[in-house]
Amino acid sequence: CLTCNLGTGRGYSVLDVVKAFEKA
């Protein structure tokens, strides 16, 4: 029975996401 986390290993702030979406 394997239990694993899936993720990037880092976090992004709300404003990080806002700025990246404005760029996209």
PDBML (XML) file of the C-alpha atoms, coordinates in Angstrom:
<?xml version="1.0" encoding="UTF-8" ?>
<PDBx:datablock datablockName="MODEL"
   xmlns:PDBx="http://pdbml.pdb.org/schema/pdbx-v50.xsd"
   xmlns:xsi="http://www.w3.org/2001/XMLSchema-instance"
   xsi:schemaLocation="http://pdbml.pdb.org/schema/pdbx-v50.xsd pdbx-v50.xsd">
   <PDBx:atom_siteCategory>
      <PDBx:atom_site id="1">
         <PDBx:B_iso_or_equiv>0.00</PDBx:B_iso_or_equiv>
         <PDBx:Cartn_x>0.000</PDBx:Cartn_x>
         <PDBx:Cartn_y>0.000</PDBx:Cartn_y>
         <PDBx:Cartn_z>0.000</PDBx:Cartn_z>
         <PDBx:auth_asym_id>A</PDBx:auth_asym_id>
         <PDBx:auth_atom_id>CA</PDBx:auth_atom_id>
         <PDBx:auth_comp_id>CYS</PDBx:auth_comp_id>
         <PDBx:auth_seq_id>1</PDBx:auth_seq_id>
         <PDBx:group_PDB>ATOM</PDBx:group_PDB>
         <PDBx:label_alt_id xsi:nil="true" />
         <PDBx:label_asym_id>A</PDBx:label_asym_id>
         <PDBx:label_atom_id>CA</PDBx:label_atom_id>
         <PDBx:label_comp_id>CYS</PDBx:label_comp_id>
         <PDBx:label_entity_id>1</PDBx:label_entity_id>
         <PDBx:label_seq_id>1</PDBx:label_seq_id>
         <PDBx:occupancy>1.00</PDBx:occupancy>
         <PDBx:pdbx_PDB_model_num>1</PDBx:pdbx_PDB_model_num>
         <PDBx:type_symbol>C</PDBx:type_symbol>
      </PDBx:atom_site>
      <PDBx:atom_site id="2">
         <PDBx:B_iso_or_equiv>0.00</PDBx:B_iso_or_equiv>
         <PDBx:Cartn_x>1.882</PDBx:Cartn_x>
         <PDBx:Cartn_y>3.005</PDBx:Cartn_y>
         <PDBx:Cartn_z>-1.305</PDBx:Cartn_z>
         <PDBx:auth_asym_id>A</PDBx:auth_asym_id>
         <PDBx:auth_atom_id>CA</PDBx:auth_atom_id>
         <PDBx:auth_comp_id>LEU</PDBx:auth_comp_id>
         <PDBx:auth_seq_id>2</PDBx:auth_seq_id>
         <PDBx:group_PDB>ATOM</PDBx:group_PDB>
         <PDBx:label_alt_id xsi:nil="true" />
         <PDBx:label_asym_id>A</PDBx:label_asym_id>
         <PDBx:label_atom_id>CA</PDBx:label_atom_id>
         <PDBx:label_comp_id>LEU</PDBx:label_comp_id>
         <PDBx:label_entity_id>1</PDBx:label_entity_id>
         <PDBx:label_seq_id>2</PDBx:label_seq_id>
         <PDBx:occupancy>1.00</PDBx:occupancy>
         <PDBx:pdbx_PDB_model_num>1</PDBx:pdbx_PDB_model_num>
         <PDBx:type_symbol>C</PDBx:type_symbol>
      </PDBx:atom_site>
      <PDBx:atom_site id="3">
         <PDBx:B_iso_or_equiv>0.00</PDBx:B_iso_or_equiv>
         <PDBx:Cartn_x>1.134</PDBx:Cartn_x>
         <PDBx:Cartn_y>6.545</PDBx:Cartn_y>
         <PDBx:Cartn_z>-0.132</PDBx:Cartn_z>
         <PDBx:auth_asym_id>A</PDBx:auth_asym_id>
         <PDBx:auth_atom_id>CA</PDBx:auth_atom_id>
         <PDBx:auth_comp_id>THR</PDBx:auth_comp_id>
         <PDBx:auth_seq_id>3</PDBx:auth_seq_id>
         <PDBx:group_PDB>ATOM</PDBx:group_PDB>
         <PDBx:label_alt_id xsi:nil="true" />
         <PDBx:label_asym_id>A</PDBx:label_asym_id>
         <PDBx:label_atom_id>CA</PDBx:label_atom_id>
         <PDBx:label_comp_id>THR</PDBx:label_comp_id>
         <PDBx:label_entity_id>1</PDBx:label_entity_id>
         <PDBx:label_seq_id>3</PDBx:label_seq_id>
         <PDBx:occupancy>1.00</PDBx:occupancy>
         <PDBx:pdbx_PDB_model_num>1</PDBx:pdbx_PDB_model_num>
         <PDBx:type_symbol>C</PDBx:type_symbol>
      </PDBx:atom_site>
      <PDBx:atom_site id="4">
         <PDBx:B_iso_or_equiv>0.00</PDBx:B_iso_or_equiv>
         <PDBx:Cartn_x>2.818</PDBx:Cartn_x>
         <PDBx:Cartn_y>9.379</PDBx:Cartn_y>
         <PDBx:Cartn_z>-2.023</PDBx:Cartn_z>
         <PDBx:auth_asym_id>A</PDBx:auth_asym_id>
         <PDBx:auth_atom_id>CA</PDBx:auth_atom_id>
         <PDBx:auth_comp_id>CYS</PDBx:auth_comp_id>
         <PDBx:auth_seq_id>4</PDBx:auth_seq_id>
         <PDBx:group_PDB>ATOM</PDBx:group_PDB>
         <PDBx:label_alt_id xsi:nil="true" />
         <PDBx:label_asym_id>A</PDBx:label_asym_id>
         <PDBx:label_atom_id>CA</PDBx:label_atom_id>
         <PDBx:label_comp_id>CYS</PDBx:label_comp_id>
         <PDBx:label_entity_id>1</PDBx:label_entity_id>
         <PDBx:label_seq_id>4</PDBx:label_seq_id>
         <PDBx:occupancy>1.00</PDBx:occupancy>
         <PDBx:pdbx_PDB_model_num>1</PDBx:pdbx_PDB_model_num>
         <PDBx:type_symbol>C</PDBx:type_symbol>
      </PDBx:atom_site>
      <PDBx:atom_site id="5">
         <PDBx:B_iso_or_equiv>0.00</PDBx:B_iso_or_equiv>
         <PDBx:Cartn_x>2.652</PDBx:Cartn_x>
         <PDBx:Cartn_y>13.144</PDBx:Cartn_y>
         <PDBx:Cartn_z>-2.151</PDBx:Cartn_z>
         <PDBx:auth_asym_id>A</PDBx:auth_asym_id>
         <PDBx:auth_atom_id>CA</PDBx:auth_atom_id>
         <PDBx:auth_comp_id>ASN</PDBx:auth_comp_id>
         <PDBx:auth_seq_id>5</PDBx:auth_seq_id>
         <PDBx:group_PDB>ATOM</PDBx:group_PDB>
         <PDBx:label_alt_id xsi:nil="true" />
         <PDBx:label_asym_id>A</PDBx:label_asym_id>
         <PDBx:label_atom_id>CA</PDBx:label_atom_id>
         <PDBx:label_comp_id>ASN</PDBx:label_comp_id>
         <PDBx:label_entity_id>1</PDBx:label_entity_id>
         <PDBx:label_seq_id>5</PDBx:label_seq_id>
         <PDBx:occupancy>1.00</PDBx:occupancy>
         <PDBx:pdbx_PDB_model_num>1</PDBx:pdbx_PDB_model_num>
         <PDBx:type_symbol>C</PDBx:type_symbol>
      </PDBx:atom_site>
      <PDBx:atom_site id="6">
         <PDBx:B_iso_or_equiv>0.00</PDBx:B_iso_or_equiv>
         <PDBx:Cartn_x>2.395</PDBx:Cartn_x>
         <PDBx:Cartn_y>14.682</PDBx:Cartn_y>
         <PDBx:Cartn_z>-5.597</PDBx:Cartn_z>
         <PDBx:auth_asym_id>A</PDBx:auth_asym_id>
         <PDBx:auth_atom_id>CA</PDBx:auth_atom_id>
         <PDBx:auth_comp_id>LEU</PDBx:auth_comp_id>
         <PDBx:auth_seq_id>6</PDBx:auth_seq_id>
         <PDBx:group_PDB>ATOM</PDBx:group_PDB>
         <PDBx:label_alt_id xsi:nil="true" />
         <PDBx:label_asym_id>A</PDBx:label_asym_id>
         <PDBx:label_atom_id>CA</PDBx:label_atom_id>
         <PDBx:label_comp_id>LEU</PDBx:label_comp_id>
         <PDBx:label_entity_id>1</PDBx:label_entity_id>
         <PDBx:label_seq_id>6</PDBx:label_seq_id>
         <PDBx:occupancy>1.00</PDBx:occupancy>
         <PDBx:pdbx_PDB_model_num>1</PDBx:pdbx_PDB_model_num>
         <PDBx:type_symbol>C</PDBx:type_symbol>
      </PDBx:atom_site>
      <PDBx:atom_site id="7">
         <PDBx:B_iso_or_equiv>0.00</PDBx:B_iso_or_equiv>
         <PDBx:Cartn_x>3.599</PDBx:Cartn_x>
         <PDBx:Cartn_y>18.244</PDBx:Cartn_y>
         <PDBx:Cartn_z>-5.894</PDBx:Cartn_z>
         <PDBx:auth_asym_id>A</PDBx:auth_asym_id>
         <PDBx:auth_atom_id>CA</PDBx:auth_atom_id>
         <PDBx:auth_comp_id>GLY</PDBx:auth_comp_id>
         <PDBx:auth_seq_id>7</PDBx:auth_seq_id>
         <PDBx:group_PDB>ATOM</PDBx:group_PDB>
         <PDBx:label_alt_id xsi:nil="true" />
         <PDBx:label_asym_id>A</PDBx:label_asym_id>
         <PDBx:label_atom_id>CA</PDBx:label_atom_id>
         <PDBx:label_comp_id>GLY</PDBx:label_comp_id>
         <PDBx:label_entity_id>1</PDBx:label_entity_id>
         <PDBx:label_seq_id>7</PDBx:label_seq_id>
         <PDBx:occupancy>1.00</PDBx:occupancy>
         <PDBx:pdbx_PDB_model_num>1</PDBx:pdbx_PDB_model_num>
         <PDBx:type_symbol>C</PDBx:type_symbol>
      </PDBx:atom_site>
      <PDBx:atom_site id="8">
         <PDBx:B_iso_or_equiv>0.00</PDBx:B_iso_or_equiv>
         <PDBx:Cartn_x>6.302</PDBx:Cartn_x>
         <PDBx:Cartn_y>20.590</PDBx:Cartn_y>
         <PDBx:Cartn_z>-7.109</PDBx:Cartn_z>
         <PDBx:auth_asym_id>A</PDBx:auth_asym_id>
         <PDBx:auth_atom_id>CA</PDBx:auth_atom_id>
         <PDBx:auth_comp_id>THR</PDBx:auth_comp_id>
         <PDBx:auth_seq_id>8</PDBx:auth_seq_id>
         <PDBx:group_PDB>ATOM</PDBx:group_PDB>
         <PDBx:label_alt_id xsi:nil="true" />
         <PDBx:label_asym_id>A</PDBx:label_asym_id>
         <PDBx:label_atom_id>CA</PDBx:label_atom_id>
         <PDBx:label_comp_id>THR</PDBx:label_comp_id>
         <PDBx:label_entity_id>1</PDBx:label_entity_id>
         <PDBx:label_seq_id>8</PDBx:label_seq_id>
         <PDBx:occupancy>1.00</PDBx:occupancy>
         <PDBx:pdbx_PDB_model_num>1</PDBx:pdbx_PDB_model_num>
         <PDBx:type_symbol>C</PDBx:type_symbol>
      </PDBx:atom_site>
      <PDBx:atom_site id="9">
         <PDBx:B_iso_or_equiv>0.00</PDBx:B_iso_or_equiv>
         <PDBx:Cartn_x>8.148</PDBx:Cartn_x>
         <PDBx:Cartn_y>20.686</PDBx:Cartn_y>
         <PDBx:Cartn_z>-3.797</PDBx:Cartn_z>
         <PDBx:auth_asym_id>A</PDBx:auth_asym_id>
         <PDBx:auth_atom_id>CA</PDBx:auth_atom_id>
         <PDBx:auth_comp_id>GLY</PDBx:auth_comp_id>
         <PDBx:auth_seq_id>9</PDBx:auth_seq_id>
         <PDBx:group_PDB>ATOM</PDBx:group_PDB>
         <PDBx:label_alt_id xsi:nil="true" />
         <PDBx:label_asym_id>A</PDBx:label_asym_id>
         <PDBx:label_atom_id>CA</PDBx:label_atom_id>
         <PDBx:label_comp_id>GLY</PDBx:label_comp_id>
         <PDBx:label_entity_id>1</PDBx:label_entity_id>
         <PDBx:label_seq_id>9</PDBx:label_seq_id>
         <PDBx:occupancy>1.00</PDBx:occupancy>
         <PDBx:pdbx_PDB_model_num>1</PDBx:pdbx_PDB_model_num>
         <PDBx:type_symbol>C</PDBx:type_symbol>
      </PDBx:atom_site>
      <PDBx:atom_site id="10">
         <PDBx:B_iso_or_equiv>0.00</PDBx:B_iso_or_equiv>
         <PDBx:Cartn_x>7.670</PDBx:Cartn_x>
         <PDBx:Cartn_y>24.431</PDBx:Cartn_y>
         <PDBx:Cartn_z>-3.493</PDBx:Cartn_z>
         <PDBx:auth_asym_id>A</PDBx:auth_asym_id>
         <PDBx:auth_atom_id>CA</PDBx:auth_atom_id>
         <PDBx:auth_comp_id>ARG</PDBx:auth_comp_id>
         <PDBx:auth_seq_id>10</PDBx:auth_seq_id>
         <PDBx:group_PDB>ATOM</PDBx:group_PDB>
         <PDBx:label_alt_id xsi:nil="true" />
         <PDBx:label_asym_id>A</PDBx:label_asym_id>
         <PDBx:label_atom_id>CA</PDBx:label_atom_id>
         <PDBx:label_comp_id>ARG</PDBx:label_comp_id>
         <PDBx:label_entity_id>1</PDBx:label_entity_id>
         <PDBx:label_seq_id>10</PDBx:label_seq_id>
         <PDBx:occupancy>1.00</PDBx:occupancy>
         <PDBx:pdbx_PDB_model_num>1</PDBx:pdbx_PDB_model_num>
         <PDBx:type_symbol>C</PDBx:type_symbol>
      </PDBx:atom_site>
      <PDBx:atom_site id="11">
         <PDBx:B_iso_or_equiv>0.00</PDBx:B_iso_or_equiv>
         <PDBx:Cartn_x>4.864</PDBx:Cartn_x>
         <PDBx:Cartn_y>26.906</PDBx:Cartn_y>
         <PDBx:Cartn_z>-2.950</PDBx:Cartn_z>
         <PDBx:auth_asym_id>A</PDBx:auth_asym_id>
         <PDBx:auth_atom_id>CA</PDBx:auth_atom_id>
         <PDBx:auth_comp_id>GLY</PDBx:auth_comp_id>
         <PDBx:auth_seq_id>11</PDBx:auth_seq_id>
         <PDBx:group_PDB>ATOM</PDBx:group_PDB>
         <PDBx:label_alt_id xsi:nil="true" />
         <PDBx:label_asym_id>A</PDBx:label_asym_id>
         <PDBx:label_atom_id>CA</PDBx:label_atom_id>
         <PDBx:label_comp_id>GLY</PDBx:label_comp_id>
         <PDBx:label_entity_id>1</PDBx:label_entity_id>
         <PDBx:label_seq_id>11</PDBx:label_seq_id>
         <PDBx:occupancy>1.00</PDBx:occupancy>
         <PDBx:pdbx_PDB_model_num>1</PDBx:pdbx_PDB_model_num>
         <PDBx:type_symbol>C</PDBx:type_symbol>
      </PDBx:atom_site>
      <PDBx:atom_site id="12">
         <PDBx:B_iso_or_equiv>0.00</PDBx:B_iso_or_equiv>
         <PDBx:Cartn_x>3.566</PDBx:Cartn_x>
         <PDBx:Cartn_y>29.926</PDBx:Cartn_y>
         <PDBx:Cartn_z>-4.843</PDBx:Cartn_z>
         <PDBx:auth_asym_id>A</PDBx:auth_asym_id>
         <PDBx:auth_atom_id>CA</PDBx:auth_atom_id>
         <PDBx:auth_comp_id>TYR</PDBx:auth_comp_id>
         <PDBx:auth_seq_id>12</PDBx:auth_seq_id>
         <PDBx:group_PDB>ATOM</PDBx:group_PDB>
         <PDBx:label_alt_id xsi:nil="true" />
         <PDBx:label_asym_id>A</PDBx:label_asym_id>
         <PDBx:label_atom_id>CA</PDBx:label_atom_id>
         <PDBx:label_comp_id>TYR</PDBx:label_comp_id>
         <PDBx:label_entity_id>1</PDBx:label_entity_id>
         <PDBx:label_seq_id>12</PDBx:label_seq_id>
         <PDBx:occupancy>1.00</PDBx:occupancy>
         <PDBx:pdbx_PDB_model_num>1</PDBx:pdbx_PDB_model_num>
         <PDBx:type_symbol>C</PDBx:type_symbol>
      </PDBx:atom_site>
      <PDBx:atom_site id="13">
         <PDBx:B_iso_or_equiv>0.00</PDBx:B_iso_or_equiv>
         <PDBx:Cartn_x>1.879</PDBx:Cartn_x>
         <PDBx:Cartn_y>32.895</PDBx:Cartn_y>
         <PDBx:Cartn_z>-3.206</PDBx:Cartn_z>
         <PDBx:auth_asym_id>A</PDBx:auth_asym_id>
         <PDBx:auth_atom_id>CA</PDBx:auth_atom_id>
         <PDBx:auth_comp_id>SER</PDBx:auth_comp_id>
         <PDBx:auth_seq_id>13</PDBx:auth_seq_id>
         <PDBx:group_PDB>ATOM</PDBx:group_PDB>
         <PDBx:label_alt_id xsi:nil="true" />
         <PDBx:label_asym_id>A</PDBx:label_asym_id>
         <PDBx:label_atom_id>CA</PDBx:label_atom_id>
         <PDBx:label_comp_id>SER</PDBx:label_comp_id>
         <PDBx:label_entity_id>1</PDBx:label_entity_id>
         <PDBx:label_seq_id>13</PDBx:label_seq_id>
         <PDBx:occupancy>1.00</PDBx:occupancy>
         <PDBx:pdbx_PDB_model_num>1</PDBx:pdbx_PDB_model_num>
         <PDBx:type_symbol>C</PDBx:type_symbol>
      </PDBx:atom_site>
      <PDBx:atom_site id="14">
         <PDBx:B_iso_or_equiv>0.00</PDBx:B_iso_or_equiv>
         <PDBx:Cartn_x>-1.486</PDBx:Cartn_x>
         <PDBx:Cartn_y>34.265</PDBx:Cartn_y>
         <PDBx:Cartn_z>-4.271</PDBx:Cartn_z>
         <PDBx:auth_asym_id>A</PDBx:auth_asym_id>
         <PDBx:auth_atom_id>CA</PDBx:auth_atom_id>
         <PDBx:auth_comp_id>VAL</PDBx:auth_comp_id>
         <PDBx:auth_seq_id>14</PDBx:auth_seq_id>
         <PDBx:group_PDB>ATOM</PDBx:group_PDB>
         <PDBx:label_alt_id xsi:nil="true" />
         <PDBx:label_asym_id>A</PDBx:label_asym_id>
         <PDBx:label_atom_id>CA</PDBx:label_atom_id>
         <PDBx:label_comp_id>VAL</PDBx:label_comp_id>
         <PDBx:label_entity_id>1</PDBx:label_entity_id>
         <PDBx:label_seq_id>14</PDBx:label_seq_id>
         <PDBx:occupancy>1.00</PDBx:occupancy>
         <PDBx:pdbx_PDB_model_num>1</PDBx:pdbx_PDB_model_num>
         <PDBx:type_symbol>C</PDBx:type_symbol>
      </PDBx:atom_site>
      <PDBx:atom_site id="15">
         <PDBx:B_iso_or_equiv>0.00</PDBx:B_iso_or_equiv>
         <PDBx:Cartn_x>0.243</PDBx:Cartn_x>
         <PDBx:Cartn_y>37.290</PDBx:Cartn_y>
         <PDBx:Cartn_z>-5.771</PDBx:Cartn_z>
         <PDBx:auth_asym_id>A</PDBx:auth_asym_id>
         <PDBx:auth_atom_id>CA</PDBx:auth_atom_id>
         <PDBx:auth_comp_id>LEU</PDBx:auth_comp_id>
         <PDBx:auth_seq_id>15</PDBx:auth_seq_id>
         <PDBx:group_PDB>ATOM</PDBx:group_PDB>
         <PDBx:label_alt_id xsi:nil="true" />
         <PDBx:label_asym_id>A</PDBx:label_asym_id>
         <PDBx:label_atom_id>CA</PDBx:label_atom_id>
         <PDBx:label_comp_id>LEU</PDBx:label_comp_id>
         <PDBx:label_entity_id>1</PDBx:label_entity_id>
         <PDBx:label_seq_id>15</PDBx:label_seq_id>
         <PDBx:occupancy>1.00</PDBx:occupancy>
         <PDBx:pdbx_PDB_model_num>1</PDBx:pdbx_PDB_model_num>
         <PDBx:type_symbol>C</PDBx:type_symbol>
      </PDBx:atom_site>
      <PDBx:atom_site id="16">
         <PDBx:B_iso_or_equiv>0.00</PDBx:B_iso_or_equiv>
         <PDBx:Cartn_x>2.691</PDBx:Cartn_x>
         <PDBx:Cartn_y>35.004</PDBx:Cartn_y>
         <PDBx:Cartn_z>-7.595</PDBx:Cartn_z>
         <PDBx:auth_asym_id>A</PDBx:auth_asym_id>
         <PDBx:auth_atom_id>CA</PDBx:auth_atom_id>
         <PDBx:auth_comp_id>ASP</PDBx:auth_comp_id>
         <PDBx:auth_seq_id>16</PDBx:auth_seq_id>
         <PDBx:group_PDB>ATOM</PDBx:group_PDB>
         <PDBx:label_alt_id xsi:nil="true" />
         <PDBx:label_asym_id>A</PDBx:label_asym_id>
         <PDBx:label_atom_id>CA</PDBx:label_atom_id>
         <PDBx:label_comp_id>ASP</PDBx:label_comp_id>
         <PDBx:label_entity_id>1</PDBx:label_entity_id>
         <PDBx:label_seq_id>16</PDBx:label_seq_id>
         <PDBx:occupancy>1.00</PDBx:occupancy>
         <PDBx:pdbx_PDB_model_num>1</PDBx:pdbx_PDB_model_num>
         <PDBx:type_symbol>C</PDBx:type_symbol>
      </PDBx:atom_site>
      <PDBx:atom_site id="17">
         <PDBx:B_iso_or_equiv>0.00</PDBx:B_iso_or_equiv>
         <PDBx:Cartn_x>-0.304</PDBx:Cartn_x>
         <PDBx:Cartn_y>33.370</PDBx:Cartn_y>
         <PDBx:Cartn_z>-9.285</PDBx:Cartn_z>
         <PDBx:auth_asym_id>A</PDBx:auth_asym_id>
         <PDBx:auth_atom_id>CA</PDBx:auth_atom_id>
         <PDBx:auth_comp_id>VAL</PDBx:auth_comp_id>
         <PDBx:auth_seq_id>17</PDBx:auth_seq_id>
         <PDBx:group_PDB>ATOM</PDBx:group_PDB>
         <PDBx:label_alt_id xsi:nil="true" />
         <PDBx:label_asym_id>A</PDBx:label_asym_id>
         <PDBx:label_atom_id>CA</PDBx:label_atom_id>
         <PDBx:label_comp_id>VAL</PDBx:label_comp_id>
         <PDBx:label_entity_id>1</PDBx:label_entity_id>
         <PDBx:label_seq_id>17</PDBx:label_seq_id>
         <PDBx:occupancy>1.00</PDBx:occupancy>
         <PDBx:pdbx_PDB_model_num>1</PDBx:pdbx_PDB_model_num>
         <PDBx:type_symbol>C</PDBx:type_symbol>
      </PDBx:atom_site>
      <PDBx:atom_site id="18">
         <PDBx:B_iso_or_equiv>0.00</PDBx:B_iso_or_equiv>
         <PDBx:Cartn_x>-1.929</PDBx:Cartn_x>
         <PDBx:Cartn_y>36.730</PDBx:Cartn_y>
         <PDBx:Cartn_z>-10.062</PDBx:Cartn_z>
         <PDBx:auth_asym_id>A</PDBx:auth_asym_id>
         <PDBx:auth_atom_id>CA</PDBx:auth_atom_id>
         <PDBx:auth_comp_id>VAL</PDBx:auth_comp_id>
         <PDBx:auth_seq_id>18</PDBx:auth_seq_id>
         <PDBx:group_PDB>ATOM</PDBx:group_PDB>
         <PDBx:label_alt_id xsi:nil="true" />
         <PDBx:label_asym_id>A</PDBx:label_asym_id>
         <PDBx:label_atom_id>CA</PDBx:label_atom_id>
         <PDBx:label_comp_id>VAL</PDBx:label_comp_id>
         <PDBx:label_entity_id>1</PDBx:label_entity_id>
         <PDBx:label_seq_id>18</PDBx:label_seq_id>
         <PDBx:occupancy>1.00</PDBx:occupancy>
         <PDBx:pdbx_PDB_model_num>1</PDBx:pdbx_PDB_model_num>
         <PDBx:type_symbol>C</PDBx:type_symbol>
      </PDBx:atom_site>
      <PDBx:atom_site id="19">
         <PDBx:B_iso_or_equiv>0.00</PDBx:B_iso_or_equiv>
         <PDBx:Cartn_x>1.246</PDBx:Cartn_x>
         <PDBx:Cartn_y>38.081</PDBx:Cartn_y>
         <PDBx:Cartn_z>-11.691</PDBx:Cartn_z>
         <PDBx:auth_asym_id>A</PDBx:auth_asym_id>
         <PDBx:auth_atom_id>CA</PDBx:auth_atom_id>
         <PDBx:auth_comp_id>LYS</PDBx:auth_comp_id>
         <PDBx:auth_seq_id>19</PDBx:auth_seq_id>
         <PDBx:group_PDB>ATOM</PDBx:group_PDB>
         <PDBx:label_alt_id xsi:nil="true" />
         <PDBx:label_asym_id>A</PDBx:label_asym_id>
         <PDBx:label_atom_id>CA</PDBx:label_atom_id>
         <PDBx:label_comp_id>LYS</PDBx:label_comp_id>
         <PDBx:label_entity_id>1</PDBx:label_entity_id>
         <PDBx:label_seq_id>19</PDBx:label_seq_id>
         <PDBx:occupancy>1.00</PDBx:occupancy>
         <PDBx:pdbx_PDB_model_num>1</PDBx:pdbx_PDB_model_num>
         <PDBx:type_symbol>C</PDBx:type_symbol>
      </PDBx:atom_site>
      <PDBx:atom_site id="20">
         <PDBx:B_iso_or_equiv>0.00</PDBx:B_iso_or_equiv>
         <PDBx:Cartn_x>1.829</PDBx:Cartn_x>
         <PDBx:Cartn_y>34.889</PDBx:Cartn_y>
         <PDBx:Cartn_z>-13.683</PDBx:Cartn_z>
         <PDBx:auth_asym_id>A</PDBx:auth_asym_id>
         <PDBx:auth_atom_id>CA</PDBx:auth_atom_id>
         <PDBx:auth_comp_id>ALA</PDBx:auth_comp_id>
         <PDBx:auth_seq_id>20</PDBx:auth_seq_id>
         <PDBx:group_PDB>ATOM</PDBx:group_PDB>
         <PDBx:label_alt_id xsi:nil="true" />
         <PDBx:label_asym_id>A</PDBx:label_asym_id>
         <PDBx:label_atom_id>CA</PDBx:label_atom_id>
         <PDBx:label_comp_id>ALA</PDBx:label_comp_id>
         <PDBx:label_entity_id>1</PDBx:label_entity_id>
         <PDBx:label_seq_id>20</PDBx:label_seq_id>
         <PDBx:occupancy>1.00</PDBx:occupancy>
         <PDBx:pdbx_PDB_model_num>1</PDBx:pdbx_PDB_model_num>
         <PDBx:type_symbol>C</PDBx:type_symbol>
      </PDBx:atom_site>
      <PDBx:atom_site id="21">
         <PDBx:B_iso_or_equiv>0.00</PDBx:B_iso_or_equiv>
         <PDBx:Cartn_x>-1.756</PDBx:Cartn_x>
         <PDBx:Cartn_y>34.916</PDBx:Cartn_y>
         <PDBx:Cartn_z>-14.928</PDBx:Cartn_z>
         <PDBx:auth_asym_id>A</PDBx:auth_asym_id>
         <PDBx:auth_atom_id>CA</PDBx:auth_atom_id>
         <PDBx:auth_comp_id>PHE</PDBx:auth_comp_id>
         <PDBx:auth_seq_id>21</PDBx:auth_seq_id>
         <PDBx:group_PDB>ATOM</PDBx:group_PDB>
         <PDBx:label_alt_id xsi:nil="true" />
         <PDBx:label_asym_id>A</PDBx:label_asym_id>
         <PDBx:label_atom_id>CA</PDBx:label_atom_id>
         <PDBx:label_comp_id>PHE</PDBx:label_comp_id>
         <PDBx:label_entity_id>1</PDBx:label_entity_id>
         <PDBx:label_seq_id>21</PDBx:label_seq_id>
         <PDBx:occupancy>1.00</PDBx:occupancy>
         <PDBx:pdbx_PDB_model_num>1</PDBx:pdbx_PDB_model_num>
         <PDBx:type_symbol>C</PDBx:type_symbol>
      </PDBx:atom_site>
      <PDBx:atom_site id="22">
         <PDBx:B_iso_or_equiv>0.00</PDBx:B_iso_or_equiv>
         <PDBx:Cartn_x>-1.523</PDBx:Cartn_x>
         <PDBx:Cartn_y>38.559</PDBx:Cartn_y>
         <PDBx:Cartn_z>-15.963</PDBx:Cartn_z>
         <PDBx:auth_asym_id>A</PDBx:auth_asym_id>
         <PDBx:auth_atom_id>CA</PDBx:auth_atom_id>
         <PDBx:auth_comp_id>GLU</PDBx:auth_comp_id>
         <PDBx:auth_seq_id>22</PDBx:auth_seq_id>
         <PDBx:group_PDB>ATOM</PDBx:group_PDB>
         <PDBx:label_alt_id xsi:nil="true" />
         <PDBx:label_asym_id>A</PDBx:label_asym_id>
         <PDBx:label_atom_id>CA</PDBx:label_atom_id>
         <PDBx:label_comp_id>GLU</PDBx:label_comp_id>
         <PDBx:label_entity_id>1</PDBx:label_entity_id>
         <PDBx:label_seq_id>22</PDBx:label_seq_id>
         <PDBx:occupancy>1.00</PDBx:occupancy>
         <PDBx:pdbx_PDB_model_num>1</PDBx:pdbx_PDB_model_num>
         <PDBx:type_symbol>C</PDBx:type_symbol>
      </PDBx:atom_site>
      <PDBx:atom_site id="23">
         <PDBx:B_iso_or_equiv>0.00</PDBx:B_iso_or_equiv>
         <PDBx:Cartn_x>1.577</PDBx:Cartn_x>
         <PDBx:Cartn_y>37.639</PDBx:Cartn_y>
         <PDBx:Cartn_z>-17.951</PDBx:Cartn_z>
         <PDBx:auth_asym_id>A</PDBx:auth_asym_id>
         <PDBx:auth_atom_id>CA</PDBx:auth_atom_id>
         <PDBx:auth_comp_id>LYS</PDBx:auth_comp_id>
         <PDBx:auth_seq_id>23</PDBx:auth_seq_id>
         <PDBx:group_PDB>ATOM</PDBx:group_PDB>
         <PDBx:label_alt_id xsi:nil="true" />
         <PDBx:label_asym_id>A</PDBx:label_asym_id>
         <PDBx:label_atom_id>CA</PDBx:label_atom_id>
         <PDBx:label_comp_id>LYS</PDBx:label_comp_id>
         <PDBx:label_entity_id>1</PDBx:label_entity_id>
         <PDBx:label_seq_id>23</PDBx:label_seq_id>
         <PDBx:occupancy>1.00</PDBx:occupancy>
         <PDBx:pdbx_PDB_model_num>1</PDBx:pdbx_PDB_model_num>
         <PDBx:type_symbol>C</PDBx:type_symbol>
      </PDBx:atom_site>
      <PDBx:atom_site id="24">
         <PDBx:B_iso_or_equiv>0.00</PDBx:B_iso_or_equiv>
         <PDBx:Cartn_x>-0.157</PDBx:Cartn_x>
         <PDBx:Cartn_y>34.662</PDBx:Cartn_y>
         <PDBx:Cartn_z>-19.595</PDBx:Cartn_z>
         <PDBx:auth_asym_id>A</PDBx:auth_asym_id>
         <PDBx:auth_atom_id>CA</PDBx:auth_atom_id>
         <PDBx:auth_comp_id>ALA</PDBx:auth_comp_id>
         <PDBx:auth_seq_id>24</PDBx:auth_seq_id>
         <PDBx:group_PDB>ATOM</PDBx:group_PDB>
         <PDBx:label_alt_id xsi:nil="true" />
         <PDBx:label_asym_id>A</PDBx:label_asym_id>
         <PDBx:label_atom_id>CA</PDBx:label_atom_id>
         <PDBx:label_comp_id>ALA</PDBx:label_comp_id>
         <PDBx:label_entity_id>1</PDBx:label_entity_id>
         <PDBx:label_seq_id>24</PDBx:label_seq_id>
         <PDBx:occupancy>1.00</PDBx:occupancy>
         <PDBx:pdbx_PDB_model_num>1</PDBx:pdbx_PDB_model_num>
         <PDBx:type_symbol>C</PDBx:type_symbol>
      </PDBx:atom_site>
   </PDBx:atom_siteCategory>
</PDBx:datablock>
